[in-house]
C-alpha atoms as a PDB file:
ATOM      1  CA  MET A   1      10.110 -10.719  40.518  1.00  0.00           C
ATOM      2  CA  ALA A   2       7.251 -12.539  38.811  1.00  0.00           C
ATOM      3  CA  ARG A   3       4.727 -10.107  40.294  1.00  0.00           C
ATOM      4  CA  ILE A   4       6.599  -7.152  38.805  1.00  0.00           C
ATOM      5  CA  LEU A   5       6.643  -8.755  35.355  1.00  0.00           C
ATOM      6  CA  ILE A   6       2.905  -9.508  35.572  1.00  0.00           C
ATOM      7  CA  LEU A   7       2.201  -5.903  36.591  1.00  0.00           C
ATOM      8  CA  ILE A   8       4.283  -4.608  33.678  1.00  0.00           C
ATOM      9  CA  VAL A   9       2.431  -6.842  31.204  1.00  0.00           C
ATOM     10  CA  LEU A  10      -0.970  -5.834  32.619  1.00  0.00           C
ATOM     11  CA  ALA A  11      -0.018  -2.150  32.446  1.00  0.00           C
ATOM     12  CA  TRP A  12       1.068  -2.565  28.816  1.00  0.00           C
ATOM     13  CA  ILE A  13      -2.197  -4.347  27.912  1.00  0.00           C
ATOM     14  CA  LEU A  14      -4.227  -1.603  29.618  1.00  0.00           C
ATOM     15  CA  TYR A  15      -2.232   1.056  27.774  1.00  0.00           C
ATOM     16  CA  GLN A  16      -2.900  -0.647  24.418  1.00  0.00           C
ATOM     17  CA  ILE A  17      -6.634  -0.890  25.131  1.00  0.00           C
ATOM     18  CA  ILE A  18      -6.903   2.769  26.123  1.00  0.00           C
ATOM     19  CA  LYS A  19      -4.881   3.848  23.077  1.00  0.00           C
ATOM     20  CA  ARG A  20      -7.171   1.873  20.749  1.00  0.00           C
ATOM     21  CA  VAL A  21     -10.346   3.297  22.353  1.00  0.00           C
ATOM     22  CA  ILE A  22      -9.049   6.867  21.977  1.00  0.00           C
ATOM     23  CA  SER A  23      -8.050   6.365  18.334  1.00  0.00           C
ATOM     24  CA  ASN A  24     -11.461   4.863  17.516  1.00  0.00           C
ATOM     25  CA  ALA A  25     -13.218   7.802  19.178  1.00  0.00           C
ATOM     26  CA  LYS A  26     -11.177  10.268  17.124  1.00  0.00           C
ATOM     27  CA  ALA A  27     -11.953   8.384  13.905  1.00  0.00           C
ATOM     28  CA  GLN A  28     -15.687   8.501  14.580  1.00  0.00           C
ATOM     29  CA  ASN A  29     -15.700  12.213  15.532  1.00  0.00           C
ATOM     30  CA  PRO A  30     -13.457  14.145  13.133  1.00  0.00           C
ATOM     31  CA  THR A  31     -12.258  17.451  14.532  1.00  0.00           C
ATOM     32  CA  GLN A  32     -12.932  20.895  13.131  1.00  0.00           C
ATOM     33  CA  GLU A  33      -9.380  20.978  11.695  1.00  0.00           C
ATOM     34  CA  ALA A  34     -10.238  18.330   9.118  1.00  0.00           C
ATOM     35  CA  LYS A  35     -12.950  20.534   7.597  1.00  0.00           C
ATOM     36  CA  PRO A  36     -12.143  23.450   5.289  1.00  0.00           C
ATOM     37  CA  LYS A  37     -12.154  26.794   7.084  1.00  0.00           C
ATOM     38  CA  SER A  38     -14.313  28.555   4.512  1.00  0.00           C
ATOM     39  CA  ASP A  39     -15.820  28.255   1.101  1.00  0.00           C
ATOM     40  CA  GLU A  40     -13.569  30.943  -0.339  1.00  0.00           C
ATOM     41  CA  ARG A  41     -12.984  30.911  -4.096  1.00  0.00           C
ATOM     42  CA  MET A  42      -9.576  29.965  -5.437  1.00  0.00           C
ATOM     43  CA  LEU A  43      -8.199  32.248  -8.149  1.00  0.00           C
ATOM     44  CA  GLN A  44      -5.238  31.791 -10.473  1.00  0.00           C
ATOM     45  CA  CYS A  45      -2.455  34.365 -10.427  1.00  0.00           C
ATOM     46  CA  ALA A  46      -1.875  35.913 -13.849  1.00  0.00           C
ATOM     47  CA  GLU A  47       1.906  35.963 -13.293  1.00  0.00           C
ATOM     48  CA  CYS A  48       2.952  32.688 -11.677  1.00  0.00           C
ATOM     49  CA  GLY A  49      -0.163  30.585 -12.313  1.00  0.00           C
ATOM     50  CA  CYS A  50      -0.573  29.559  -8.661  1.00  0.00           C
ATOM     51  CA  HIS A  51      -4.087  29.089  -7.325  1.00  0.00           C
ATOM     52  CA  VAL A  52      -4.591  31.131  -4.146  1.00  0.00           C
ATOM     53  CA  PRO A  53      -7.594  32.116  -1.995  1.00  0.00           C
ATOM     54  CA  GLU A  54      -9.421  35.193  -3.203  1.00  0.00           C
ATOM     55  CA  SER A  55      -8.492  37.086  -0.008  1.00  0.00           C
ATOM     56  CA  ASP A  56      -4.768  36.652  -0.845  1.00  0.00           C
ATOM     57  CA  THR A  57      -5.050  38.327  -4.245  1.00  0.00           C
ATOM     58  CA  LYS A  58      -5.260  41.841  -5.604  1.00  0.00           C
ATOM     59  CA  VAL A  59      -6.100  43.272  -8.997  1.00  0.00           C
ATOM     60  CA  ILE A  60      -3.361  45.193 -10.824  1.00  0.00           C
ATOM     61  CA  ASN A  61      -4.067  46.449 -14.351  1.00  0.00           C
ATOM     62  CA  GLU A  62      -7.209  44.258 -14.470  1.00  0.00           C
ATOM     63  CA  ARG A  63      -5.107  41.147 -13.730  1.00  0.00           C
ATOM     64  CA  ILE A  64      -5.340  38.954 -10.641  1.00  0.00           C
ATOM     65  CA  ILE A  65      -1.990  38.936  -8.800  1.00  0.00           C
ATOM     66  CA  CYS A  66      -1.096  36.831  -5.728  1.00  0.00           C
ATOM     67  CA  ASN A  67       0.848  38.032  -2.673  1.00  0.00           C
ATOM     68  CA  ASN A  68       4.121  36.531  -3.909  1.00  0.00           C
ATOM     69  CA  PRO A  69       6.748  39.327  -3.825  1.00  0.00           C
ATOM     70  CA  GLU A  70       7.990  38.391  -7.316  1.00  0.00           C
ATOM     71  CA  CYS A  71       4.484  38.749  -8.740  1.00  0.00           C
ATOM     72  CA  ASN A  72       3.905  42.053  -6.944  1.00  0.00           C
ATOM     73  CA  LYS A  73       6.959  43.618  -8.673  1.00  0.00           C
ATOM     74  CA  VAL A  74       5.211  43.345 -12.038  1.00  0.00           C
ATOM     75  CA  THR A  75       3.503  46.625 -12.930  1.00  0.00           C
ATOM     76  CA  HIS A  76       3.574  46.456 -16.719  1.00  0.00           C
ATOM     77  CA  GLY A  77       0.344  45.978 -18.666  1.00  0.00           C
ATOM     78  CA  ASP A  78       0.658  43.217 -21.273  1.00  0.00           C
END
C-alpha cells in the first residue's frame, strides 16, 4: 500500500514539473496567434460608429459603411 502511495506522489510531482516546464517554454516563445494578422487600417463606419478593418467596409455615397446588415440598408445621402 505504501509503495502505491509513493508512486502516486512521485507521478504527481513529475506531472507538476513537466507542466511548469511547458508553460515556461510557451511564455518565452509566443505563438503566431498572439501577433496581429496584418497591419490593416481600421476605419469608422459612418452609420454605427464601429471601427472595422478596411477590408470589411464599402463606400456608399462617399461614406464608409461596415458590413453590418443594419448599416447596409441605409442608401440615403445626408
